[in-house]
Protein backbone atom coordinates (compact mmCIF):
# COMPACT_ATOMS: atom_id res chain seq x y z
CA MET A 1 -20.12 -35.99 -0.81
CA PRO A 2 -20.03 -37.39 -4.35
CA ALA A 3 -19.17 -41.05 -4.70
CA PRO A 4 -15.60 -41.72 -5.91
CA ASP A 5 -16.98 -42.56 -9.40
CA GLN A 6 -19.08 -39.36 -9.68
CA PRO A 7 -17.55 -36.02 -10.68
CA PRO A 8 -17.09 -33.59 -7.79
CA PHE A 9 -17.82 -29.89 -8.23
CA ALA A 10 -14.05 -29.24 -7.92
CA HIS A 11 -10.70 -31.01 -7.72
CA VAL A 12 -8.22 -29.50 -5.27
CA VAL A 13 -4.64 -30.34 -6.27
CA TYR A 14 -1.75 -29.80 -3.88
CA PHE A 15 1.48 -29.85 -5.87
CA GLU A 16 4.27 -31.35 -3.74
CA PRO A 17 2.84 -30.33 -0.33
CA ARG A 18 5.35 -30.03 2.51
CA ILE A 19 3.40 -29.45 5.74
CA PRO A 20 1.32 -32.35 7.06
CA GLY A 21 -1.04 -30.11 9.05
CA ASN A 22 -2.06 -28.21 5.92
CA THR A 23 -2.77 -31.43 4.08
CA GLY A 24 -4.75 -32.74 7.04
CA SER A 25 -6.81 -29.55 6.95
CA ALA A 26 -7.32 -30.05 3.20
CA ILE A 27 -8.63 -33.55 3.88
CA ARG A 28 -11.14 -32.00 6.26
CA LEU A 29 -12.02 -29.34 3.64
CA ALA A 30 -12.66 -32.06 1.05
CA ALA A 31 -14.79 -34.02 3.49
CA VAL A 32 -17.05 -31.10 4.42
CA THR A 33 -17.50 -29.72 0.88
CA GLY A 34 -17.40 -32.74 -1.42
CA ALA A 35 -14.39 -31.46 -3.34
CA ARG A 36 -11.88 -34.16 -4.30
CA LEU A 37 -8.31 -33.80 -3.01
CA HIS A 38 -5.30 -34.80 -5.12
CA LEU A 39 -1.74 -34.80 -3.82
CA VAL A 40 1.18 -34.68 -6.26
CA GLU A 41 4.38 -36.41 -5.15
CA PRO A 42 6.90 -36.02 -3.74
CA LEU A 43 5.18 -35.29 -0.44
CA GLY A 44 7.17 -33.63 2.33
CA PHE A 45 5.78 -36.06 4.91
CA ASP A 46 4.48 -39.58 5.38
CA LEU A 47 0.71 -39.99 5.06
CA SER A 48 0.65 -41.77 8.41
CA GLU A 49 2.22 -38.76 10.19
CA ALA A 50 0.47 -37.76 13.42
CA LYS A 51 0.16 -34.07 12.46
CA LEU A 52 -1.68 -35.05 9.28
CA LYS A 53 -4.09 -37.28 11.17
CA ARG A 54 -4.63 -34.70 13.92
CA ALA A 55 -5.42 -31.87 11.47
CA GLY A 56 -7.80 -34.10 9.51
CA LEU A 57 -9.47 -35.24 12.73
CA ASP A 58 -11.93 -38.03 11.98
CA TYR A 59 -12.67 -36.81 8.45
CA HIS A 60 -10.20 -39.06 6.60
CA ASP A 61 -12.89 -41.63 5.83
CA LEU A 62 -15.30 -38.92 4.60
CA ALA A 63 -12.94 -37.38 2.03
CA VAL A 64 -11.97 -38.66 -1.41
CA MET A 65 -8.23 -38.29 -1.79
CA GLU A 66 -5.75 -39.61 -4.35
CA VAL A 67 -1.96 -39.45 -4.52
CA HIS A 68 -0.34 -39.06 -7.94
CA PRO A 69 3.32 -39.52 -8.94
CA SER A 70 3.37 -36.32 -11.03
CA LEU A 71 1.34 -33.33 -12.16
CA ASP A 72 0.98 -34.89 -15.61
CA ALA A 73 -0.47 -38.02 -13.98
CA VAL A 74 -3.22 -36.11 -12.15
CA LEU A 75 -4.00 -33.97 -15.21
CA GLY A 76 -4.04 -37.09 -17.38
CA ALA A 77 -6.69 -38.52 -15.05
CA LEU A 78 -8.73 -35.33 -15.58
CA PRO A 79 -8.29 -34.79 -19.34
CA ASP A 80 -11.18 -32.38 -19.90
CA ALA A 81 -10.84 -30.30 -16.74
CA ARG A 82 -9.92 -26.64 -16.75
CA VAL A 83 -6.90 -25.97 -14.53
CA PHE A 84 -6.69 -22.84 -12.42
CA ALA A 85 -3.28 -22.26 -10.86
CA PHE A 86 -3.34 -20.10 -7.73
CA SER A 87 -0.38 -17.78 -7.37
CA THR A 88 0.48 -14.47 -5.75
CA ARG A 89 1.63 -13.53 -9.28
CA GLY A 90 -1.77 -14.33 -10.83
CA THR A 91 -3.50 -11.62 -12.80
CA THR A 92 -7.13 -12.78 -12.60
CA ALA A 93 -9.05 -12.54 -9.32
CA TYR A 94 -10.43 -15.90 -8.16
CA THR A 95 -13.89 -14.27 -8.02
CA ASP A 96 -13.78 -13.36 -11.72
CA VAL A 97 -14.05 -17.00 -12.81
CA ALA A 98 -17.32 -18.79 -13.55
CA TYR A 99 -16.40 -22.19 -12.13
CA GLU A 100 -17.64 -25.35 -13.79
CA THR A 101 -18.11 -28.89 -12.50
CA GLY A 102 -14.79 -30.69 -12.35
CA ASP A 103 -12.51 -27.66 -12.45
CA VAL A 104 -9.02 -28.15 -11.01
CA LEU A 105 -7.87 -25.70 -8.33
CA LEU A 106 -4.08 -26.06 -8.27
CA PHE A 107 -1.97 -24.91 -5.31
CA GLY A 108 1.78 -24.97 -4.79
CA PRO A 109 3.91 -26.13 -1.90
CA GLU A 110 4.62 -24.19 1.23
CA PRO A 111 6.54 -21.86 1.31
CA THR A 112 7.48 -21.40 -2.35
CA GLY A 113 4.20 -21.67 -4.26
CA LEU A 114 3.95 -23.12 -7.74
CA PRO A 115 7.21 -23.17 -9.71
CA GLU A 116 7.46 -21.41 -13.08
CA GLU A 117 7.36 -24.67 -15.05
CA VAL A 118 4.03 -25.57 -13.45
CA LEU A 119 2.58 -22.09 -14.02
CA ALA A 120 3.65 -22.39 -17.68
CA HIS A 121 2.16 -25.89 -18.10
CA PRO A 122 0.05 -26.02 -21.28
CA ARG A 123 -2.97 -27.33 -19.33
CA VAL A 124 -3.12 -24.27 -17.05
CA THR A 125 -6.22 -22.32 -18.08
CA ASP A 126 -5.42 -19.23 -16.01
CA GLN A 127 -3.39 -18.02 -13.05
CA LEU A 128 -5.64 -16.77 -10.27
CA LYS A 129 -4.91 -14.56 -7.31
CA ILE A 130 -6.58 -14.03 -3.98
CA PRO A 131 -6.32 -10.32 -3.14
CA MET A 132 -4.20 -9.34 -0.14
CA LEU A 133 -2.87 -6.14 1.32
CA PRO A 134 0.38 -4.95 -0.25
CA GLY A 135 3.61 -6.20 1.28
CA ARG A 136 2.16 -9.48 2.55
CA ARG A 137 3.82 -12.66 1.32
CA SER A 138 0.92 -15.13 1.13
CA LEU A 139 -1.97 -16.81 2.88
CA ASN A 140 -1.74 -20.22 4.48
CA LEU A 141 -2.12 -22.96 1.86
CA THR A 142 -5.34 -24.47 3.16
CA ASN A 143 -6.82 -21.05 3.91
CA SER A 144 -6.26 -20.21 0.23
CA ALA A 145 -7.75 -23.51 -0.91
CA SER A 146 -10.76 -22.96 1.36
CA ILE A 147 -11.43 -19.52 -0.08
CA ALA A 148 -11.33 -20.91 -3.63
CA VAL A 149 -13.34 -24.06 -2.89
CA TYR A 150 -16.09 -22.12 -1.16
CA GLU A 151 -16.32 -19.62 -4.04
CA ALA A 152 -16.65 -22.46 -6.57
CA TRP A 153 -19.22 -24.19 -4.36
CA ARG A 154 -21.11 -20.92 -3.71
CA GLN A 155 -21.47 -20.42 -7.45
CA ARG A 156 -23.12 -23.85 -7.62
CA GLY A 157 -25.62 -22.87 -4.94
CA PHE A 158 -23.85 -25.01 -2.34
CA ASP A 159 -25.18 -28.18 -4.04
CA GLY A 160 -25.68 -30.99 -1.56
CA ALA A 161 -25.42 -28.82 1.57
């Protein structure tokens, strides 16, 4: 895991997450991959909630996580990062991107996904999709984040594993 002052291979941003179990699983994902997790307020739960702690197991101390008051705040903290917004309406497959160190992987809240104003944010580099069978609504939030994080990490040769 990179130290808090070293750039991670990816930043996972959850925009206004609602379900504590998904965020707990994202904490675990960050801990086991070295990605950095960012949560954008408002959160739909308290960070001390039991479901969050249970899903994150004992990985909370192994993950680097920050909470930000707004999307602009997190993007301001990462001024040079490319921002990839994941959406069922995306037009580029997540596998068609050559990920770079410090890229932002942006995911929306359950169950609505990213709102139009976020998808249209001037910092969004591209809208990415994870292919699914027709007629399916969406994947679980942390399942989607895991797919994207592991693709970005795979492209880096699983550095540090």
